[in-house]
Amino acid sequence: MSAMSDVLGVIMGGGRGTRIHPLTRDRSKPAVPIAGKYRLIDVPISNCINSGINRIAVLTQFNSVSLHRHIARTYVFDSFHRGWVEILAAEQTPTSDGWYQGTADAVRQQLAEIRTTGARWVLILAGDHLYRMDYSSMVSFHQENDADITVAVHPVPRDEAARFGLLKRDDSNRILDFVEKPKDPEVLARFEGREDETRPFLGSMGIYLFNTDILFDALTDTEDHDFGGEVIPNAIHEKHVVGFEFDGYWEDIGTIRSFYEVNLTLTRPEPPFTLHDPV
């Protein structure tokens, strides 16, 4: 049986998305249309399905009706298909009466549901990025490096470095240091390391592959709310955390400008990314 059948995909369904308002006035960011008839959420779900990940949970909270409707209408498998795309909405329970307080807290509140899947690995994904990745390569890399956690990383230009979580790796791909969206020039200089003047930094893509038991250890009996700001920086000192480099097309649709520029890019005669490419 393929290792991918042991992976659970968990997609962050988006918070308020204030930087992309007014597109998020009536819907969550992953439900925002892209390239005409598609939604941003279609990207990670499609990547999962095409990578052989057939169990996918979408964690939702804010302005989620449109997103729920789209998923329910789009991802309907036949009776011979053993996979599913499931909504895990924020809810009040006897042990918690609060909303999701961040990416890590959202996953923490759904640990009981994650446990019932019996998945060996949990792949944490953002719901608002545009890219195509075969996650099986990342899973193989994770296994080959005997990792506890694997972080997908992407080369970052100097003028965009402050927008990302930056990291340093050693020759064995182990992550030695991690900082979230640094502004201090001295800190930036410390994380400069790639032999590429145009893209000298490695930035986190917000994609994390956890051994399930390590995920539970990281989120149980802690109050960490965010993976990039708290969980990963803490884990690199205690766990075997490695960086999987992805150098394909990738855009974080985080602002109105990036949304506008990406849609214009997709209209080119030969765009760097196409939603119809079967490869």
Protein backbone atom coordinates (compact mmCIF):
# COMPACT_ATOMS: atom_id res chain seq x y z
CA MET A 1 0.00 0.00 0.00
CA SER A 2 1.28 3.50 -0.87
CA ALA A 3 2.60 5.62 1.98
CA MET A 4 0.23 8.36 0.81
CA SER A 5 -2.72 6.36 2.11
CA ASP A 6 -1.27 7.00 5.60
CA VAL A 7 -1.30 10.79 5.17
CA LEU A 8 -4.12 13.03 6.37
CA GLY A 9 -4.31 16.40 4.62
CA VAL A 10 -5.42 19.25 6.93
CA ILE A 11 -6.15 22.53 5.17
CA MET A 12 -6.51 25.84 6.98
CA GLY A 13 -9.86 27.30 5.89
CA GLY A 14 -8.84 30.89 6.55
CA GLY A 15 -9.43 33.60 9.12
CA ARG A 16 -10.74 37.11 8.49
CA GLY A 17 -8.41 37.81 5.56
CA THR A 18 -8.31 41.54 6.33
CA ARG A 19 -5.40 42.22 3.93
CA ILE A 20 -7.50 41.06 0.99
CA HIS A 21 -10.70 42.89 1.98
CA PRO A 22 -13.22 43.62 0.37
CA LEU A 23 -12.88 40.27 -1.43
CA THR A 24 -13.41 38.64 1.97
CA ARG A 25 -16.40 40.75 2.95
CA ASP A 26 -18.84 37.90 2.26
CA ARG A 27 -16.57 34.84 2.13
CA SER A 28 -13.43 33.38 3.64
CA LYS A 29 -10.16 33.82 1.75
CA PRO A 30 -9.97 30.20 0.45
CA ALA A 31 -13.41 30.71 -1.11
CA VAL A 32 -12.26 33.74 -3.14
CA PRO A 33 -12.48 33.03 -6.91
CA ILE A 34 -9.23 32.66 -8.87
CA ALA A 35 -8.70 32.36 -12.63
CA GLY A 36 -12.42 32.63 -13.34
CA LYS A 37 -14.41 29.65 -12.12
CA TYR A 38 -12.00 28.21 -9.51
CA ARG A 39 -11.60 28.99 -5.82
CA LEU A 40 -8.32 29.22 -3.91
CA ILE A 41 -9.28 26.16 -1.86
CA ASP A 42 -9.27 24.08 -5.06
CA VAL A 43 -5.47 24.36 -5.23
CA PRO A 44 -4.50 22.45 -2.05
CA ILE A 45 -7.39 20.00 -2.44
CA SER A 46 -6.36 19.26 -6.04
CA ASN A 47 -2.71 18.92 -4.99
CA CYS A 48 -3.75 16.39 -2.32
CA ILE A 49 -5.91 14.30 -4.63
CA ASN A 50 -3.30 14.26 -7.41
CA SER A 51 -0.62 13.29 -4.87
CA GLY A 52 -2.62 10.30 -3.67
CA ILE A 53 -3.90 11.88 -0.44
CA ASN A 54 -7.56 10.91 -0.35
CA ARG A 55 -8.44 11.91 3.20
CA ILE A 56 -8.69 15.68 3.50
CA ALA A 57 -10.03 17.83 6.34
CA VAL A 58 -10.71 21.56 5.88
CA LEU A 59 -10.75 23.61 9.09
CA THR A 60 -13.19 26.52 8.76
CA GLN A 61 -14.40 29.39 10.91
CA PHE A 62 -14.94 32.83 9.40
CA ASN A 63 -17.51 33.61 6.66
CA SER A 64 -17.52 29.91 5.84
CA VAL A 65 -20.94 29.31 4.22
CA SER A 66 -19.69 29.96 0.67
CA LEU A 67 -16.67 27.71 1.26
CA HIS A 68 -18.80 24.91 2.70
CA ARG A 69 -21.20 25.10 -0.25
CA HIS A 70 -18.39 24.97 -2.81
CA ILE A 71 -16.71 21.95 -1.19
CA ALA A 72 -20.00 20.08 -0.79
CA ARG A 73 -20.90 20.59 -4.47
CA THR A 74 -17.45 20.03 -5.96
CA TYR A 75 -15.83 17.14 -4.09
CA VAL A 76 -18.36 14.32 -4.29
CA PHE A 77 -16.68 10.92 -4.72
CA ASP A 78 -18.45 7.83 -6.02
CA SER A 79 -19.23 4.82 -3.84
CA PHE A 80 -16.07 3.00 -5.04
CA HIS A 81 -13.79 5.79 -3.77
CA ARG A 82 -12.59 5.40 -0.19
CA GLY A 83 -11.52 9.03 0.22
CA TRP A 84 -13.32 12.10 1.50
CA VAL A 85 -13.13 15.86 1.87
CA GLU A 86 -14.54 16.80 5.27
CA ILE A 87 -15.36 20.12 6.93
CA LEU A 88 -14.13 20.55 10.51
CA ALA A 89 -15.80 23.79 11.60
CA ALA A 90 -14.97 25.67 14.78
CA GLU A 91 -17.41 24.66 17.49
CA GLN A 92 -18.13 24.99 21.19
CA THR A 93 -17.53 21.84 23.22
CA PRO A 94 -17.62 20.90 26.92
CA THR A 95 -13.86 21.50 27.05
CA SER A 96 -13.62 24.58 24.81
CA ASP A 97 -15.96 27.47 24.14
CA GLY A 98 -13.62 29.64 22.07
CA TRP A 99 -12.98 30.16 18.36
CA TYR A 100 -9.78 29.01 16.70
CA GLN A 101 -7.04 31.33 17.92
CA GLY A 102 -4.52 30.51 15.18
CA THR A 103 -3.37 27.71 12.90
CA ALA A 104 -1.95 25.54 15.68
CA ASP A 105 -4.92 26.14 17.96
CA ALA A 106 -7.31 25.16 15.15
CA VAL A 107 -5.53 21.82 14.74
CA ARG A 108 -5.35 21.38 18.52
CA GLN A 109 -9.13 21.71 18.80
CA GLN A 110 -9.53 18.93 16.21
CA LEU A 111 -6.99 16.45 17.59
CA ALA A 112 -9.74 13.99 18.54
CA GLU A 113 -10.97 13.93 14.92
CA ILE A 114 -7.40 13.54 13.65
CA ARG A 115 -6.80 10.63 16.01
CA THR A 116 -9.83 8.72 14.66
CA THR A 117 -8.32 8.65 11.14
CA GLY A 118 -5.36 6.55 12.30
CA ALA A 119 -3.10 8.53 9.94
CA ARG A 120 0.66 8.04 10.37
CA TRP A 121 1.44 11.54 9.08
CA VAL A 122 -0.48 14.82 9.09
CA LEU A 123 0.16 17.34 6.31
CA ILE A 124 -0.76 20.89 7.32
CA LEU A 125 -1.60 23.15 4.35
CA ALA A 126 -2.67 26.75 3.75
CA GLY A 127 -5.86 27.35 1.82
CA ASP A 128 -4.78 30.55 0.03
CA HIS A 129 -1.62 29.74 -1.96
CA LEU A 130 -1.26 29.13 -5.71
CA TYR A 131 1.18 26.34 -6.64
CA ARG A 132 1.36 22.76 -7.86
CA MET A 133 3.22 20.24 -5.72
CA ASP A 134 3.40 16.47 -5.65
CA TYR A 135 3.30 15.93 -1.90
CA SER A 136 4.56 12.36 -2.33
CA SER A 137 8.04 13.82 -2.95
CA MET A 138 7.84 15.62 0.38
CA VAL A 139 6.65 12.46 2.15
CA SER A 140 9.55 10.46 0.62
CA PHE A 141 11.99 13.19 1.70
CA HIS A 142 10.52 13.07 5.22
CA GLN A 143 11.01 9.30 5.40
CA GLU A 144 14.52 9.35 3.91
CA ASN A 145 15.63 11.92 6.49
CA ASP A 146 13.92 10.07 9.36
CA ALA A 147 12.33 13.40 10.29
CA ASP A 148 9.85 14.28 13.01
CA ILE A 149 8.68 17.38 11.12
CA THR A 150 9.34 18.51 7.55
CA VAL A 151 8.83 22.14 6.51
CA ALA A 152 8.41 22.96 2.81
CA VAL A 153 10.67 25.90 1.91
CA HIS A 154 10.99 28.15 -1.13
CA PRO A 155 13.78 30.48 -2.34
CA VAL A 156 12.94 34.09 -1.46
CA PRO A 157 14.20 37.35 -3.07
CA ARG A 158 15.90 39.89 -0.85
CA ASP A 159 13.13 42.50 -1.19
CA GLU A 160 10.46 40.04 -0.06
CA ALA A 161 12.31 38.36 2.80
CA ALA A 162 10.56 40.31 5.56
CA ARG A 163 7.19 38.86 4.47
CA PHE A 164 8.16 35.26 5.27
CA GLY A 165 9.28 32.99 8.03
CA LEU A 166 12.97 32.45 7.22
CA LEU A 167 15.13 29.48 8.13
CA LYS A 168 18.66 28.13 7.98
CA ARG A 169 19.56 24.51 7.13
CA ASP A 170 22.74 22.52 7.51
CA ASP A 171 24.19 20.17 4.88
CA SER A 172 21.91 17.35 6.08
CA ASN A 173 18.80 19.51 5.51
CA ARG A 174 18.20 19.89 9.24
CA ILE A 175 16.72 23.26 10.20
CA LEU A 176 19.04 25.05 12.63
CA ASP A 177 17.21 28.32 13.11
CA PHE A 178 13.84 29.85 12.25
CA VAL A 179 12.48 33.38 12.53
CA GLU A 180 9.01 34.64 11.61
CA LYS A 181 8.87 37.72 9.31
CA PRO A 182 12.05 39.49 10.50
CA LYS A 183 12.44 43.24 10.00
CA ASP A 184 15.83 43.77 11.67
CA PRO A 185 18.61 43.99 9.01
CA GLU A 186 21.03 42.14 11.31
CA VAL A 187 18.61 39.25 11.67
CA LEU A 188 18.04 39.16 7.91
CA ALA A 189 21.79 39.04 7.31
CA ARG A 190 22.06 36.04 9.64
CA PHE A 191 19.57 34.07 7.55
CA GLU A 192 21.12 34.86 4.18
CA GLY A 193 22.74 31.68 2.91
CA ARG A 194 21.75 30.51 -0.57
CA GLU A 195 24.36 30.87 -3.32
CA ASP A 196 21.92 32.89 -5.41
CA GLU A 197 22.17 36.68 -5.30
CA THR A 198 18.63 37.12 -6.59
CA ARG A 199 17.07 34.72 -4.04
CA PRO A 200 19.48 34.39 -1.10
CA PHE A 201 16.93 33.32 1.54
CA LEU A 202 14.82 30.25 2.25
CA GLY A 203 11.25 31.02 3.30
CA SER A 204 8.65 28.77 4.86
CA MET A 205 5.73 27.94 2.57
CA GLY A 206 3.42 27.27 5.51
CA ILE A 207 3.37 23.56 4.61
CA TYR A 208 4.26 21.21 7.46
CA LEU A 209 4.43 17.40 7.52
CA PHE A 210 4.25 15.94 11.03
CA ASN A 211 4.58 12.46 12.38
CA THR A 212 1.18 12.21 14.06
CA ASP A 213 2.59 11.42 17.51
CA ILE A 214 4.94 14.43 17.23
CA LEU A 215 2.00 16.67 16.30
CA PHE A 216 0.13 15.53 19.40
CA ASP A 217 3.21 16.13 21.56
CA ALA A 218 3.63 19.63 20.12
CA LEU A 219 0.02 20.69 20.70
CA THR A 220 -0.92 18.88 23.92
CA ASP A 221 -0.40 20.75 27.21
CA THR A 222 0.78 23.89 25.39
CA GLU A 223 -0.86 27.18 24.50
CA ASP A 224 0.95 27.80 21.20
CA HIS A 225 -1.48 29.35 18.73
CA ASP A 226 0.56 29.48 15.52
CA PHE A 227 2.74 26.96 13.68
CA GLY A 228 5.10 29.47 12.07
CA GLY A 229 5.45 31.79 15.04
CA GLU A 230 5.59 29.28 17.89
CA VAL A 231 5.36 25.53 17.18
CA ILE A 232 8.12 25.24 14.55
CA PRO A 233 10.64 27.59 16.27
CA ASN A 234 10.18 25.61 19.50
CA ALA A 235 10.40 22.22 17.79
CA ILE A 236 13.72 22.79 16.02
CA HIS A 237 15.51 22.70 19.39
CA GLU A 238 13.85 19.45 20.52
CA LYS A 239 12.87 17.46 17.41
CA HIS A 240 14.43 16.44 14.11
CA VAL A 241 13.03 19.15 11.82
CA VAL A 242 14.15 19.28 8.17
CA GLY A 243 13.50 21.59 5.23
CA PHE A 244 12.18 20.26 1.91
CA GLU A 245 13.06 22.73 -0.86
CA PHE A 246 10.44 23.42 -3.55
CA ASP A 247 11.56 25.64 -6.43
CA GLY A 248 8.44 25.64 -8.61
CA TYR A 249 5.89 28.40 -9.10
CA TRP A 250 4.38 29.47 -5.78
CA GLU A 251 2.45 32.59 -4.77
CA ASP A 252 0.93 33.53 -1.44
CA ILE A 253 -2.35 35.33 -2.24
CA GLY A 254 -2.07 37.50 0.83
CA THR A 255 -2.90 40.99 -0.43
CA ILE A 256 -5.09 42.72 -2.99
CA ARG A 257 -1.97 43.50 -5.04
CA SER A 258 -0.83 39.87 -5.12
CA PHE A 259 -4.36 38.75 -6.03
CA TYR A 260 -4.50 41.28 -8.87
CA GLU A 261 -1.02 40.49 -10.20
CA VAL A 262 -1.55 36.71 -10.09
CA ASN A 263 -4.80 36.92 -12.04
CA LEU A 264 -3.10 39.08 -14.68
CA THR A 265 -0.19 36.62 -14.83
CA LEU A 266 -2.59 33.73 -15.51
CA THR A 267 -3.91 35.51 -18.63
CA ARG A 268 -0.53 35.49 -20.40
CA PRO A 269 -0.17 33.33 -23.54
CA GLU A 270 2.38 31.18 -21.67
CA PRO A 271 1.73 31.69 -17.94
CA PRO A 272 4.14 30.27 -15.36
CA PHE A 273 1.23 28.37 -13.85
CA THR A 274 -1.83 26.85 -15.49
CA LEU A 275 -4.73 25.12 -13.77
CA HIS A 276 -5.14 22.78 -16.76
CA ASP A 277 -1.60 21.36 -16.79
CA PRO A 278 -1.92 17.57 -16.22
CA VAL A 279 1.72 17.24 -15.09
